Amino acid sequence: MIEHIELWVQDEDPEEPCPNCDMVDRYFANADIPVTKRGLSEASEEQRSYFRTLGLSAPAVLTEHHGDWAGLRPDKMRQVKKDHLSSRATASSTSPPSAQQMPLVAGSPSSVSM
């Protein structure tokens, strides 16, 4: 279950840095979880209104399967990471074996020495 995640962050402003935005972005990047990162200035008024219902802190994190939240939420971030890693493990265990993983069978071209 690889889900689409949108990370809405404060626009970069040296006067008002957003350490929580940076921490959430870095957490997902280090876990190899793809996110679509957007600046809050790109949000429509309707989206900004929705973000306010989540809480007044940045970033706003919108996910398909884990709900939406605002601010630094390690509990939610860990759950997304756990589920992401689990889905990757499941996907790799159900994929067909590569040529290197396939056992050699007597008489197959790979097992015949020349």
PDB file of N, CA and C in Angstrom:
ATOM      1  N   MET A   1       0.841  -1.167   0.000  1.00  0.00           N
ATOM      2  CA  MET A   1       0.000   0.000   0.000  1.00  0.00           C
ATOM      3  C   MET A   1       0.893   1.238   0.000  1.00  0.00           C
ATOM      4  N   ILE A   2       1.338   1.644  -1.154  1.00  0.00           N
ATOM      5  CA  ILE A   2       2.089   2.886  -1.242  1.00  0.00           C
ATOM      6  C   ILE A   2       1.084   3.981  -1.506  1.00  0.00           C
ATOM      7  N   GLU A   3       1.077   4.931  -0.631  1.00  0.00           N
ATOM      8  CA  GLU A   3       0.059   5.968  -0.713  1.00  0.00           C
ATOM      9  C   GLU A   3       0.650   7.296  -1.135  1.00  0.00           C
ATOM     10  N   HIS A   4      -0.220   8.133  -1.631  1.00  0.00           N
ATOM     11  CA  HIS A   4       0.174   9.476  -2.009  1.00  0.00           C
ATOM     12  C   HIS A   4       0.145  10.355  -0.767  1.00  0.00           C
ATOM     13  N   ILE A   5       1.234  11.061  -0.523  1.00  0.00           N
ATOM     14  CA  ILE A   5       1.333  11.947   0.634  1.00  0.00           C
ATOM     15  C   ILE A   5       1.670  13.344   0.146  1.00  0.00           C
ATOM     16  N   GLU A   6       0.899  14.312   0.596  1.00  0.00           N
ATOM     17  CA  GLU A   6       1.183  15.717   0.307  1.00  0.00           C
ATOM     18  C   GLU A   6       1.676  16.375   1.579  1.00  0.00           C
ATOM     19  N   LEU A   7       2.784  17.076   1.458  1.00  0.00           N
ATOM     20  CA  LEU A   7       3.372  17.800   2.576  1.00  0.00           C
ATOM     21  C   LEU A   7       3.312  19.290   2.238  1.00  0.00           C
ATOM     22  N   TRP A   8       2.446  19.996   2.934  1.00  0.00           N
ATOM     23  CA  TRP A   8       2.272  21.436   2.724  1.00  0.00           C
ATOM     24  C   TRP A   8       3.106  22.162   3.763  1.00  0.00           C
ATOM     25  N   VAL A   9       4.126  22.880   3.306  1.00  0.00           N
ATOM     26  CA  VAL A   9       5.075  23.518   4.215  1.00  0.00           C
ATOM     27  C   VAL A   9       5.027  25.031   4.079  1.00  0.00           C
ATOM     28  N   GLN A  10       5.526  25.695   5.126  1.00  0.00           N
ATOM     29  CA  GLN A  10       5.670  27.144   5.058  1.00  0.00           C
ATOM     30  C   GLN A  10       6.660  27.451   3.949  1.00  0.00           C
ATOM     31  N   ASP A  11       6.391  28.499   3.206  1.00  0.00           N
ATOM     32  CA  ASP A  11       7.341  28.897   2.174  1.00  0.00           C
ATOM     33  C   ASP A  11       8.634  29.334   2.852  1.00  0.00           C
ATOM     34  N   GLU A  12       9.747  29.030   2.204  1.00  0.00           N
ATOM     35  CA  GLU A  12      11.041  29.329   2.815  1.00  0.00           C
ATOM     36  C   GLU A  12      11.198  30.820   3.017  1.00  0.00           C
ATOM     37  N   ASP A  13      11.417  31.179   4.266  1.00  0.00           N
ATOM     38  CA  ASP A  13      11.605  32.570   4.644  1.00  0.00           C
ATOM     39  C   ASP A  13      12.660  32.580   5.738  1.00  0.00           C
ATOM     40  N   PRO A  14      13.819  33.173   5.454  1.00  0.00           N
ATOM     41  CA  PRO A  14      14.882  33.167   6.464  1.00  0.00           C
ATOM     42  C   PRO A  14      14.463  33.831   7.776  1.00  0.00           C
ATOM     43  N   GLU A  15      13.487  34.728   7.701  1.00  0.00           N
ATOM     44  CA  GLU A  15      13.011  35.414   8.902  1.00  0.00           C
ATOM     45  C   GLU A  15      12.121  34.508   9.760  1.00  0.00           C
ATOM     46  N   GLU A  16      11.408  33.568   9.114  1.00  0.00           N
ATOM     47  CA  GLU A  16      10.496  32.667   9.821  1.00  0.00           C
ATOM     48  C   GLU A  16      10.710  31.228   9.360  1.00  0.00           C
ATOM     49  N   PRO A  17      11.791  30.597   9.826  1.00  0.00           N
ATOM     50  CA  PRO A  17      12.023  29.204   9.423  1.00  0.00           C
ATOM     51  C   PRO A  17      10.963  28.277  10.024  1.00  0.00           C
ATOM     52  N   CYS A  18      10.817  27.125   9.418  1.00  0.00           N
ATOM     53  CA  CYS A  18       9.832  26.145   9.896  1.00  0.00           C
ATOM     54  C   CYS A  18      10.569  24.839  10.210  1.00  0.00           C
ATOM     55  N   PRO A  19      11.111  24.719  11.431  1.00  0.00           N
ATOM     56  CA  PRO A  19      11.858  23.496  11.753  1.00  0.00           C
ATOM     57  C   PRO A  19      11.000  22.237  11.692  1.00  0.00           C
ATOM     58  N   ASN A  20       9.719  22.333  12.048  1.00  0.00           N
ATOM     59  CA  ASN A  20       8.856  21.149  11.964  1.00  0.00           C
ATOM     60  C   ASN A  20       8.672  20.700  10.521  1.00  0.00           C
ATOM     61  N   CYS A  21       8.547  21.663   9.607  1.00  0.00           N
ATOM     62  CA  CYS A  21       8.425  21.324   8.178  1.00  0.00           C
ATOM     63  C   CYS A  21       9.664  20.552   7.735  1.00  0.00           C
ATOM     64  N   ASP A  22      10.840  21.069   8.115  1.00  0.00           N
ATOM     65  CA  ASP A  22      12.093  20.430   7.725  1.00  0.00           C
ATOM     66  C   ASP A  22      12.216  19.028   8.327  1.00  0.00           C
ATOM     67  N   MET A  23      11.812  18.882   9.592  1.00  0.00           N
ATOM     68  CA  MET A  23      11.926  17.584  10.257  1.00  0.00           C
ATOM     69  C   MET A  23      11.010  16.542   9.618  1.00  0.00           C
ATOM     70  N   VAL A  24       9.777  16.926   9.305  1.00  0.00           N
ATOM     71  CA  VAL A  24       8.843  15.980   8.684  1.00  0.00           C
ATOM     72  C   VAL A  24       9.347  15.601   7.288  1.00  0.00           C
ATOM     73  N   ASP A  25       9.779  16.578   6.524  1.00  0.00           N
ATOM     74  CA  ASP A  25      10.303  16.323   5.179  1.00  0.00           C
ATOM     75  C   ASP A  25      11.508  15.387   5.243  1.00  0.00           C
ATOM     76  N   ARG A  26      12.431  15.657   6.145  1.00  0.00           N
ATOM     77  CA  ARG A  26      13.637  14.836   6.291  1.00  0.00           C
ATOM     78  C   ARG A  26      13.289  13.415   6.762  1.00  0.00           C
ATOM     79  N   TYR A  27      12.325  13.285   7.663  1.00  0.00           N
ATOM     80  CA  TYR A  27      11.917  11.969   8.169  1.00  0.00           C
ATOM     81  C   TYR A  27      11.416  11.094   7.017  1.00  0.00           C
ATOM     82  N   PHE A  28      10.512  11.639   6.214  1.00  0.00           N
ATOM     83  CA  PHE A  28       9.984  10.852   5.100  1.00  0.00           C
ATOM     84  C   PHE A  28      11.074  10.563   4.067  1.00  0.00           C
ATOM     85  N   ALA A  29      11.949  11.529   3.802  1.00  0.00           N
ATOM     86  CA  ALA A  29      13.033  11.315   2.836  1.00  0.00           C
ATOM     87  C   ALA A  29      13.975  10.212   3.319  1.00  0.00           C
ATOM     88  N   ASN A  30      14.350  10.226   4.594  1.00  0.00           N
ATOM     89  CA  ASN A  30      15.245   9.199   5.138  1.00  0.00           C
ATOM     90  C   ASN A  30      14.613   7.817   5.129  1.00  0.00           C
ATOM     91  N   ALA A  31      13.290   7.762   5.173  1.00  0.00           N
ATOM     92  CA  ALA A  31      12.582   6.477   5.133  1.00  0.00           C
ATOM     93  C   ALA A  31      12.227   6.074   3.693  1.00  0.00           C
ATOM     94  N   ASP A  32      12.700   6.831   2.713  1.00  0.00           N
ATOM     95  CA  ASP A  32      12.398   6.571   1.296  1.00  0.00           C
ATOM     96  C   ASP A  32      10.898   6.552   1.026  1.00  0.00           C
ATOM     97  N   ILE A  33      10.178   7.456   1.688  1.00  0.00           N
ATOM     98  CA  ILE A  33       8.745   7.591   1.472  1.00  0.00           C
ATOM     99  C   ILE A  33       8.531   8.803   0.582  1.00  0.00           C
ATOM    100  N   PRO A  34       8.035   8.591  -0.630  1.00  0.00           N
ATOM    101  CA  PRO A  34       7.858   9.727  -1.538  1.00  0.00           C
ATOM    102  C   PRO A  34       6.731  10.648  -1.077  1.00  0.00           C
ATOM    103  N   VAL A  35       6.986  11.931  -1.152  1.00  0.00           N
ATOM    104  CA  VAL A  35       5.977  12.938  -0.825  1.00  0.00           C
ATOM    105  C   VAL A  35       5.948  13.989  -1.917  1.00  0.00           C
ATOM    106  N   THR A  36       4.814  14.625  -2.055  1.00  0.00           N
ATOM    107  CA  THR A  36       4.696  15.798  -2.914  1.00  0.00           C
ATOM    108  C   THR A  36       4.743  16.991  -1.978  1.00  0.00           C
ATOM    109  N   LYS A  37       5.790  17.791  -2.104  1.00  0.00           N
ATOM    110  CA  LYS A  37       5.996  18.929  -1.210  1.00  0.00           C
ATOM    111  C   LYS A  37       5.508  20.199  -1.895  1.00  0.00           C
ATOM    112  N   ARG A  38       4.691  20.948  -1.176  1.00  0.00           N
ATOM    113  CA  ARG A  38       4.139  22.185  -1.723  1.00  0.00           C
ATOM    114  C   ARG A  38       4.246  23.295  -0.692  1.00  0.00           C
ATOM    115  N   GLY A  39       4.355  24.518  -1.184  1.00  0.00           N
ATOM    116  CA  GLY A  39       4.369  25.673  -0.303  1.00  0.00           C
ATOM    117  C   GLY A  39       2.947  26.103   0.012  1.00  0.00           C
ATOM    118  N   LEU A  40       2.730  26.549   1.246  1.00  0.00           N
ATOM    119  CA  LEU A  40       1.394  26.974   1.649  1.00  0.00           C
ATOM    120  C   LEU A  40       0.869  28.140   0.809  1.00  0.00           C
ATOM    121  N   SER A  41       1.765  28.908   0.207  1.00  0.00           N
ATOM    122  CA  SER A  41       1.307  30.022  -0.630  1.00  0.00           C
ATOM    123  C   SER A  41       0.592  29.513  -1.886  1.00  0.00           C
ATOM    124  N   GLU A  42       0.812  28.249  -2.268  1.00  0.00           N
ATOM    125  CA  GLU A  42       0.136  27.660  -3.428  1.00  0.00           C
ATOM    126  C   GLU A  42      -1.289  27.213  -3.109  1.00  0.00           C
ATOM    127  N   ALA A  43      -1.621  27.130  -1.828  1.00  0.00           N
ATOM    128  CA  ALA A  43      -2.917  26.596  -1.418  1.00  0.00           C
ATOM    129  C   ALA A  43      -4.033  27.590  -1.716  1.00  0.00           C
ATOM    130  N   SER A  44      -5.165  27.036  -2.117  1.00  0.00           N
ATOM    131  CA  SER A  44      -6.347  27.881  -2.329  1.00  0.00           C
ATOM    132  C   SER A  44      -6.906  28.288  -0.965  1.00  0.00           C
ATOM    133  N   GLU A  45      -7.809  29.229  -0.957  1.00  0.00           N
ATOM    134  CA  GLU A  45      -8.425  29.650   0.308  1.00  0.00           C
ATOM    135  C   GLU A  45      -9.188  28.480   0.941  1.00  0.00           C
ATOM    136  N   GLU A  46      -9.818  27.662   0.116  1.00  0.00           N
ATOM    137  CA  GLU A  46     -10.532  26.490   0.622  1.00  0.00           C
ATOM    138  C   GLU A  46      -9.566  25.514   1.303  1.00  0.00           C
ATOM    139  N   GLN A  47      -8.412  25.284   0.665  1.00  0.00           N
ATOM    140  CA  GLN A  47      -7.417  24.394   1.266  1.00  0.00           C
ATOM    141  C   GLN A  47      -6.892  24.978   2.579  1.00  0.00           C
ATOM    142  N   ARG A  48      -6.607  26.270   2.589  1.00  0.00           N
ATOM    143  CA  ARG A  48      -6.108  26.908   3.821  1.00  0.00           C
ATOM    144  C   ARG A  48      -7.135  26.792   4.939  1.00  0.00           C
ATOM    145  N   SER A  49      -8.384  26.932   4.601  1.00  0.00           N
ATOM    146  CA  SER A  49      -9.446  26.785   5.593  1.00  0.00           C
ATOM    147  C   SER A  49      -9.432  25.362   6.158  1.00  0.00           C
ATOM    148  N   TYR A  50      -9.265  24.370   5.290  1.00  0.00           N
ATOM    149  CA  TYR A  50      -9.186  22.983   5.743  1.00  0.00           C
ATOM    150  C   TYR A  50      -7.962  22.782   6.643  1.00  0.00           C
ATOM    151  N   PHE A  51      -6.818  23.337   6.251  1.00  0.00           N
ATOM    152  CA  PHE A  51      -5.607  23.196   7.055  1.00  0.00           C
ATOM    153  C   PHE A  51      -5.828  23.771   8.456  1.00  0.00           C
ATOM    154  N   ARG A  52      -6.555  24.864   8.553  1.00  0.00           N
ATOM    155  CA  ARG A  52      -6.838  25.470   9.863  1.00  0.00           C
ATOM    156  C   ARG A  52      -7.661  24.521  10.738  1.00  0.00           C
ATOM    157  N   THR A  53      -8.526  23.709  10.121  1.00  0.00           N
ATOM    158  CA  THR A  53      -9.300  22.752  10.928  1.00  0.00           C
ATOM    159  C   THR A  53      -8.394  21.658  11.499  1.00  0.00           C
ATOM    160  N   LEU A  54      -7.246  21.411  10.849  1.00  0.00           N
ATOM    161  CA  LEU A  54      -6.301  20.409  11.331  1.00  0.00           C
ATOM    162  C   LEU A  54      -5.480  20.939  12.503  1.00  0.00           C
ATOM    163  N   GLY A  55      -5.351  22.242  12.590  1.00  0.00           N
ATOM    164  CA  GLY A  55      -4.516  22.891  13.589  1.00  0.00           C
ATOM    165  C   GLY A  55      -3.772  24.027  12.926  1.00  0.00           C
ATOM    166  N   LEU A  56      -3.249  24.905  13.708  1.00  0.00           N
ATOM    167  CA  LEU A  56      -2.639  26.100  13.142  1.00  0.00           C
ATOM    168  C   LEU A  56      -1.145  25.956  12.885  1.00  0.00           C
ATOM    169  N   SER A  57      -0.573  24.792  13.122  1.00  0.00           N
ATOM    170  CA  SER A  57       0.867  24.673  12.928  1.00  0.00           C
ATOM    171  C   SER A  57       1.189  24.009  11.595  1.00  0.00           C
ATOM    172  N   ALA A  58       2.324  24.403  11.038  1.00  0.00           N
ATOM    173  CA  ALA A  58       2.811  23.803   9.800  1.00  0.00           C
ATOM    174  C   ALA A  58       3.758  22.672  10.187  1.00  0.00           C
ATOM    175  N   PRO A  59       3.926  21.681   9.378  1.00  0.00           N
ATOM    176  CA  PRO A  59       3.324  21.492   8.070  1.00  0.00           C
ATOM    177  C   PRO A  59       1.952  20.819   8.176  1.00  0.00           C
ATOM    178  N   ALA A  60       1.226  20.875   7.077  1.00  0.00           N
ATOM    179  CA  ALA A  60       0.003  20.090   6.953  1.00  0.00           C
ATOM    180  C   ALA A  60       0.373  18.847   6.152  1.00  0.00           C
ATOM    181  N   VAL A  61       0.001  17.685   6.668  1.00  0.00           N
ATOM    182  CA  VAL A  61       0.325  16.417   6.016  1.00  0.00           C
ATOM    183  C   VAL A  61      -0.995  15.762   5.624  1.00  0.00           C
ATOM    184  N   LEU A  62      -1.158  15.507   4.328  1.00  0.00           N
ATOM    185  CA  LEU A  62      -2.376  14.878   3.817  1.00  0.00           C
ATOM    186  C   LEU A  62      -2.001  13.507   3.269  1.00  0.00           C
ATOM    187  N   THR A  63      -2.680  12.464   3.766  1.00  0.00           N
ATOM    188  CA  THR A  63      -2.379  11.107   3.323  1.00  0.00           C
ATOM    189  C   THR A  63      -3.660  10.414   2.879  1.00  0.00           C
ATOM    190  N   GLU A  64      -3.500   9.379   2.078  1.00  0.00           N
ATOM    191  CA  GLU A  64      -4.654   8.617   1.601  1.00  0.00           C
ATOM    192  C   GLU A  64      -5.188   7.655   2.653  1.00  0.00           C
ATOM    193  N   HIS A  65      -4.286   7.036   3.427  1.00  0.00           N
ATOM    194  CA  HIS A  65      -4.682   5.941   4.306  1.00  0.00           C
ATOM    195  C   HIS A  65      -4.461   6.206   5.793  1.00  0.00           C
ATOM    196  N   HIS A  66      -3.822   7.291   6.138  1.00  0.00           N
ATOM    197  CA  HIS A  66      -3.482   7.546   7.538  1.00  0.00           C
ATOM    198  C   HIS A  66      -4.089   8.832   8.085  1.00  0.00           C
ATOM    199  N   GLY A  67      -5.034   9.398   7.380  1.00  0.00           N
ATOM    200  CA  GLY A  67      -5.645  10.637   7.850  1.00  0.00           C
ATOM    201  C   GLY A  67      -4.761  11.839   7.576  1.00  0.00           C
ATOM    202  N   ASP A  68      -5.261  12.992   7.894  1.00  0.00           N
ATOM    203  CA  ASP A  68      -4.539  14.242   7.690  1.00  0.00           C
ATOM    204  C   ASP A  68      -4.208  14.828   9.055  1.00  0.00           C
ATOM    205  N   TRP A  69      -3.101  15.538   9.130  1.00  0.00           N
ATOM    206  CA  TRP A  69      -2.746  16.195  10.388  1.00  0.00           C
ATOM    207  C   TRP A  69      -1.899  17.422  10.113  1.00  0.00           C
ATOM    208  N   ALA A  70      -1.739  18.228  11.138  1.00  0.00           N
ATOM    209  CA  ALA A  70      -0.885  19.408  11.053  1.00  0.00           C
ATOM    210  C   ALA A  70       0.148  19.342  12.163  1.00  0.00           C
ATOM    211  N   GLY A  71       1.327  19.841  11.857  1.00  0.00           N
ATOM    212  CA  GLY A  71       2.380  19.898  12.861  1.00  0.00           C
ATOM    213  C   GLY A  71       3.210  18.634  12.903  1.00  0.00           C
ATOM    214  N   LEU A  72       4.093  18.586  13.873  1.00  0.00           N
ATOM    215  CA  LEU A  72       5.000  17.463  14.058  1.00  0.00           C
ATOM    216  C   LEU A  72       4.278  16.382  14.864  1.00  0.00           C
ATOM    217  N   ARG A  73       3.962  15.272  14.221  1.00  0.00           N
ATOM    218  CA  ARG A  73       3.234  14.164  14.861  1.00  0.00           C
ATOM    219  C   ARG A  73       4.048  12.869  14.703  1.00  0.00           C
ATOM    220  N   PRO A  74       5.038  12.661  15.574  1.00  0.00           N
ATOM    221  CA  PRO A  74       5.880  11.454  15.464  1.00  0.00           C
ATOM    222  C   PRO A  74       5.072  10.160  15.460  1.00  0.00           C
ATOM    223  N   ASP A  75       3.972  10.107  16.208  1.00  0.00           N
ATOM    224  CA  ASP A  75       3.164   8.890  16.238  1.00  0.00           C
ATOM    225  C   ASP A  75       2.613   8.558  14.859  1.00  0.00           C
ATOM    226  N   LYS A  76       2.089   9.545  14.176  1.00  0.00           N
ATOM    227  CA  LYS A  76       1.531   9.326  12.830  1.00  0.00           C
ATOM    228  C   LYS A  76       2.642   9.042  11.823  1.00  0.00           C
ATOM    229  N   MET A  77       3.756   9.764  11.942  1.00  0.00           N
ATOM    230  CA  MET A  77       4.877   9.559  11.025  1.00  0.00           C
ATOM    231  C   MET A  77       5.430   8.144  11.155  1.00  0.00           C
ATOM    232  N   ARG A  78       5.566   7.655  12.394  1.00  0.00           N
ATOM    233  CA  ARG A  78       6.055   6.283  12.595  1.00  0.00           C
ATOM    234  C   ARG A  78       5.094   5.258  12.003  1.00  0.00           C
ATOM    235  N   GLN A  79       3.796   5.499  12.125  1.00  0.00           N
ATOM    236  CA  GLN A  79       2.814   4.554  11.571  1.00  0.00           C
ATOM    237  C   GLN A  79       2.895   4.518  10.046  1.00  0.00           C
ATOM    238  N   VAL A  80       3.039   5.682   9.421  1.00  0.00           N
ATOM    239  CA  VAL A  80       3.190   5.732   7.961  1.00  0.00           C
ATOM    240  C   VAL A  80       4.442   4.967   7.553  1.00  0.00           C
ATOM    241  N   LYS A  81       5.547   5.186   8.261  1.00  0.00           N
ATOM    242  CA  LYS A  81       6.801   4.500   7.941  1.00  0.00           C
ATOM    243  C   LYS A  81       6.655   2.990   8.123  1.00  0.00           C
ATOM    244  N   LYS A  82       6.069   2.573   9.231  1.00  0.00           N
ATOM    245  CA  LYS A  82       5.877   1.136   9.490  1.00  0.00           C
ATOM    246  C   LYS A  82       5.062   0.488   8.375  1.00  0.00           C
ATOM    247  N   ASP A  83       3.966   1.119   8.003  1.00  0.00           N
ATOM    248  CA  ASP A  83       3.114   0.559   6.954  1.00  0.00           C
ATOM    249  C   ASP A  83       3.806   0.594   5.592  1.00  0.00           C
ATOM    250  N   HIS A  84       4.583   1.638   5.340  1.00  0.00           N
ATOM    251  CA  HIS A  84       5.312   1.741   4.078  1.00  0.00           C
ATOM    252  C   HIS A  84       6.342   0.611   3.970  1.00  0.00           C
ATOM    253  N   LEU A  85       7.096   0.392   5.043  1.00  0.00           N
ATOM    254  CA  LEU A  85       8.099  -0.680   5.033  1.00  0.00           C
ATOM    255  C   LEU A  85       7.437  -2.046   4.902  1.00  0.00           C
ATOM    256  N   SER A  86       6.314  -2.220   5.571  1.00  0.00           N
ATOM    257  CA  SER A  86       5.581  -3.482   5.492  1.00  0.00           C
ATOM    258  C   SER A  86       5.081  -3.739   4.071  1.00  0.00           C
ATOM    259  N   SER A  87       4.565  -2.703   3.423  1.00  0.00           N
ATOM    260  CA  SER A  87       4.052  -2.884   2.062  1.00  0.00           C
ATOM    261  C   SER A  87       5.185  -3.151   1.083  1.00  0.00           C
ATOM    262  N   ARG A  88       6.357  -2.546   1.312  1.00  0.00           N
ATOM    263  CA  ARG A  88       7.503  -2.828   0.437  1.00  0.00           C
ATOM    264  C   ARG A  88       7.965  -4.260   0.608  1.00  0.00           C
ATOM    265  N   ALA A  89       7.985  -4.761   1.850  1.00  0.00           N
ATOM    266  CA  ALA A  89       8.403  -6.141   2.099  1.00  0.00           C
ATOM    267  C   ALA A  89       7.424  -7.117   1.464  1.00  0.00           C
ATOM    268  N   THR A  90       6.139  -6.833   1.573  1.00  0.00           N
ATOM    269  CA  THR A  90       5.122  -7.691   0.976  1.00  0.00           C
ATOM    270  C   THR A  90       5.246  -7.689  -0.540  1.00  0.00           C
ATOM    271  N   ALA A  91       5.465  -6.514  -1.115  1.00  0.00           N
ATOM    272  CA  ALA A  91       5.589  -6.411  -2.572  1.00  0.00           C
ATOM    273  C   ALA A  91       6.801  -7.190  -3.070  1.00  0.00           C
ATOM    274  N   SER A  92       7.920  -7.125  -2.344  1.00  0.00           N
ATOM    275  CA  SER A  92       9.114  -7.829  -2.807  1.00  0.00           C
ATOM    276  C   SER A  92       8.991  -9.335  -2.599  1.00  0.00           C
ATOM    277  N   SER A  93       8.219  -9.776  -1.598  1.00  0.00           N
ATOM    278  CA  SER A  93       8.078 -11.216  -1.381  1.00  0.00           C
ATOM    279  C   SER A  93       7.088 -11.848  -2.353  1.00  0.00           C
ATOM    280  N   THR A  94       6.229 -11.050  -2.985  1.00  0.00           N
ATOM    281  CA  THR A  94       5.262 -11.602  -3.928  1.00  0.00           C
ATOM    282  C   THR A  94       5.684 -11.395  -5.377  1.00  0.00           C
ATOM    283  N   SER A  95       6.810 -10.733  -5.596  1.00  0.00           N
ATOM    284  CA  SER A  95       7.259 -10.539  -6.974  1.00  0.00           C
ATOM    285  C   SER A  95       7.935 -11.810  -7.473  1.00  0.00           C
ATOM    286  N   PRO A  96       7.919 -12.022  -8.782  1.00  0.00           N
ATOM    287  CA  PRO A  96       8.538 -13.230  -9.317  1.00  0.00           C
ATOM    288  C   PRO A  96      10.038 -13.217  -9.069  1.00  0.00           C
ATOM    289  N   PRO A  97      10.651 -14.386  -8.899  1.00  0.00           N
ATOM    290  CA  PRO A  97      12.088 -14.429  -8.624  1.00  0.00           C
ATOM    291  C   PRO A  97      12.881 -13.929  -9.813  1.00  0.00           C
ATOM    292  N   SER A  98      13.982 -13.291  -9.509  1.00  0.00           N
ATOM    293  CA  SER A  98      14.866 -12.838 -10.583  1.00  0.00           C
ATOM    294  C   SER A  98      15.670 -14.039 -11.065  1.00  0.00           C
ATOM    295  N   ALA A  99      16.397 -13.873 -12.151  1.00  0.00           N
ATOM    296  CA  ALA A  99      17.204 -14.964 -12.697  1.00  0.00           C
ATOM    297  C   ALA A  99      18.247 -15.417 -11.679  1.00  0.00           C
ATOM    298  N   GLN A 100      18.759 -14.500 -10.860  1.00  0.00           N
ATOM    299  CA  GLN A 100      19.762 -14.867  -9.865  1.00  0.00           C
ATOM    300  C   GLN A 100      19.147 -15.692  -8.738  1.00  0.00           C
ATOM    301  N   GLN A 101      17.860 -15.523  -8.455  1.00  0.00           N
ATOM    302  CA  GLN A 101      17.225 -16.244  -7.365  1.00  0.00           C
ATOM    303  C   GLN A 101      16.691 -17.602  -7.798  1.00  0.00           C
ATOM    304  N   MET A 102      16.546 -17.826  -9.094  1.00  0.00           N
ATOM    305  CA  MET A 102      15.938 -19.061  -9.575  1.00  0.00           C
ATOM    306  C   MET A 102      16.929 -20.218  -9.417  1.00  0.00           C
ATOM    307  N   PRO A 103      16.460 -21.347  -8.898  1.00  0.00           N
ATOM    308  CA  PRO A 103      17.344 -22.509  -8.742  1.00  0.00           C
ATOM    309  C   PRO A 103      17.688 -23.098 -10.109  1.00  0.00           C
ATOM    310  N   LEU A 104      18.866 -23.656 -10.198  1.00  0.00           N
ATOM    311  CA  LEU A 104      19.272 -24.311 -11.439  1.00  0.00           C
ATOM    312  C   LEU A 104      18.633 -25.691 -11.505  1.00  0.00           C
ATOM    313  N   VAL A 105      18.134 -26.030 -12.649  1.00  0.00           N
ATOM    314  CA  VAL A 105      17.499 -27.322 -12.865  1.00  0.00           C
ATOM    315  C   VAL A 105      18.367 -28.096 -13.848  1.00  0.00           C
ATOM    316  N   ALA A 106      18.601 -29.366 -13.555  1.00  0.00           N
ATOM    317  CA  ALA A 106      19.423 -30.193 -14.435  1.00  0.00           C
ATOM    318  C   ALA A 106      18.886 -30.137 -15.851  1.00  0.00           C
ATOM    319  N   GLY A 107      19.761 -29.864 -16.791  1.00  0.00           N
ATOM    320  CA  GLY A 107      19.365 -29.814 -18.190  1.00  0.00           C
ATOM    321  C   GLY A 107      18.959 -28.423 -18.634  1.00  0.00           C
ATOM    322  N   SER A 108      18.856 -27.470 -17.704  1.00  0.00           N
ATOM    323  CA  SER A 108      18.513 -26.115 -18.134  1.00  0.00           C
ATOM    324  C   SER A 108      19.758 -25.468 -18.717  1.00  0.00           C
ATOM    325  N   PRO A 109      19.617 -24.525 -19.616  1.00  0.00           N
ATOM    326  CA  PRO A 109      20.773 -23.904 -20.257  1.00  0.00           C
ATOM    327  C   PRO A 109      21.776 -23.324 -19.244  1.00  0.00           C
ATOM    328  N   SER A 110      21.319 -22.873 -18.089  1.00  0.00           N
ATOM    329  CA  SER A 110      22.213 -22.267 -17.115  1.00  0.00           C
ATOM    330  C   SER A 110      23.077 -23.301 -16.413  1.00  0.00           C
ATOM    331  N   SER A 111      22.624 -24.554 -16.381  1.00  0.00           N
ATOM    332  CA  SER A 111      23.379 -25.558 -15.624  1.00  0.00           C
ATOM    333  C   SER A 111      24.297 -26.385 -16.523  1.00  0.00           C
ATOM    334  N   VAL A 112      24.290 -26.122 -17.800  1.00  0.00           N
ATOM    335  CA  VAL A 112      25.125 -26.885 -18.731  1.00  0.00           C
ATOM    336  C   VAL A 112      26.468 -26.192 -18.848  1.00  0.00           C
ATOM    337  N   SER A 113      27.558 -26.917 -18.570  1.00  0.00           N
ATOM    338  CA  SER A 113      28.879 -26.317 -18.709  1.00  0.00           C
ATOM    339  C   SER A 113      29.386 -26.557 -20.111  1.00  0.00           C
ATOM    340  N   MET A 114      30.158 -25.615 -20.572  1.00  0.00           N
ATOM    341  CA  MET A 114      30.666 -25.717 -21.938  1.00  0.00           C
ATOM    342  C   MET A 114      32.131 -25.919 -21.932  1.00  0.00           C
TER     343      MET A 114
END
